[in-house]
Amino acid sequence: MDCSQGKLELTYPCEWEYKVIVETHIEIKSVTFCVLGDREHIIKESKISKNGKYKSHNISLLVHNDDDRHTVFEQLKKDENVKMVL
């Protein structure tokens, strides 16, 4: 990673992790299936908000290039059940 120029330098393919925040009643596996289909990924529950309304999950998968990484991010962000993607 090269931070001196403010640009992220990655060697592809590489594992990438997205933090996805949804309301607690949303099943994250249905969200990932809609976005990723059968693409191999790992889901780990992360945190639940203080008031219990939201939960976050870390979703890890192999990305093949910058476009792939950004496309997955945008597709997760567009899903109507997703509140935020980091």
Protein backbone atom coordinates (compact mmCIF):
# COMPACT_ATOMS: atom_id res chain seq x y z
CA MET A 1 0.00 0.00 0.00
CA ASP A 2 1.48 3.36 -1.05
CA CYS A 3 0.12 6.14 1.15
CA SER A 4 2.68 8.76 0.07
CA GLN A 5 0.68 9.66 -3.06
CA GLY A 6 -2.72 9.15 -1.45
CA LYS A 7 -3.43 6.22 -3.78
CA LEU A 8 -4.00 2.66 -2.69
CA GLU A 9 -1.64 0.28 -4.50
CA LEU A 10 -2.80 -3.33 -4.39
CA THR A 11 -1.48 -6.49 -5.98
CA TYR A 12 -4.34 -8.41 -7.54
CA PRO A 13 -5.94 -10.81 -7.05
CA CYS A 14 -6.26 -10.19 -3.30
CA GLU A 15 -8.64 -10.71 -0.40
CA TRP A 16 -10.79 -7.65 0.29
CA GLU A 17 -13.15 -7.01 3.17
CA TYR A 18 -16.31 -4.93 3.12
CA LYS A 19 -18.18 -3.90 6.26
CA VAL A 20 -21.89 -4.03 5.51
CA ILE A 21 -24.47 -2.52 7.87
CA VAL A 22 -28.10 -3.66 7.78
CA GLU A 23 -31.11 -3.53 10.08
CA THR A 24 -31.10 -6.45 12.53
CA HIS A 25 -34.10 -8.18 10.93
CA ILE A 26 -32.34 -8.40 7.53
CA GLU A 27 -30.72 -11.73 6.68
CA ILE A 28 -27.23 -10.88 5.40
CA LYS A 29 -26.99 -14.14 3.42
CA SER A 30 -29.88 -13.06 1.21
CA VAL A 31 -28.14 -9.74 0.56
CA THR A 32 -24.84 -11.38 -0.35
CA PHE A 33 -26.58 -13.94 -2.55
CA CYS A 34 -28.33 -11.16 -4.50
CA VAL A 35 -25.04 -9.31 -4.99
CA LEU A 36 -22.46 -12.09 -5.20
CA GLY A 37 -24.49 -15.09 -6.34
CA ASP A 38 -22.40 -18.23 -5.95
CA ARG A 39 -19.16 -16.28 -5.71
CA GLU A 40 -17.11 -17.60 -2.79
CA HIS A 41 -17.10 -15.30 0.24
CA ILE A 42 -16.92 -15.36 4.03
CA ILE A 43 -19.40 -13.56 6.29
CA LYS A 44 -18.50 -12.70 9.87
CA GLU A 45 -20.91 -10.90 12.16
CA SER A 46 -19.22 -7.83 13.60
CA LYS A 47 -21.22 -5.55 15.90
CA ILE A 48 -24.77 -4.63 16.87
CA SER A 49 -25.67 -0.98 17.40
CA LYS A 50 -26.22 0.30 20.92
CA ASN A 51 -30.00 0.44 20.46
CA GLY A 52 -30.07 -2.92 18.62
CA LYS A 53 -31.52 -1.56 15.38
CA TYR A 54 -28.50 -2.24 13.16
CA LYS A 55 -25.89 -4.95 12.83
CA SER A 56 -22.68 -5.00 10.85
CA HIS A 57 -20.98 -7.86 9.05
CA ASN A 58 -17.54 -8.24 7.53
CA ILE A 59 -17.71 -9.81 4.08
CA SER A 60 -14.42 -11.09 2.67
CA LEU A 61 -13.83 -12.25 -0.88
CA LEU A 62 -11.20 -12.48 -3.56
CA VAL A 63 -11.23 -9.46 -5.89
CA HIS A 64 -9.45 -9.62 -9.21
CA ASN A 65 -8.81 -5.95 -10.01
CA ASP A 66 -9.83 -2.38 -9.11
CA ASP A 67 -12.98 -2.55 -11.22
CA ASP A 68 -14.07 -5.78 -9.55
CA ARG A 69 -13.45 -4.31 -6.08
CA HIS A 70 -15.40 -1.13 -6.87
CA THR A 71 -18.22 -3.00 -8.62
CA VAL A 72 -18.85 -5.21 -5.59
CA PHE A 73 -18.82 -2.11 -3.36
CA GLU A 74 -21.35 -0.30 -5.57
CA GLN A 75 -23.62 -3.35 -5.85
CA LEU A 76 -23.65 -3.80 -2.07
CA LYS A 77 -24.36 -0.09 -1.64
CA LYS A 78 -27.29 -0.20 -4.10
CA ASP A 79 -29.04 -3.09 -2.34
CA GLU A 80 -32.22 -1.74 -0.73
CA ASN A 81 -31.55 -3.68 2.50
CA VAL A 82 -28.08 -2.24 3.01
CA LYS A 83 -27.81 0.93 5.08
CA MET A 84 -24.06 1.49 4.64
CA VAL A 85 -20.95 -0.12 3.16
CA LEU A 86 -17.44 0.66 4.34
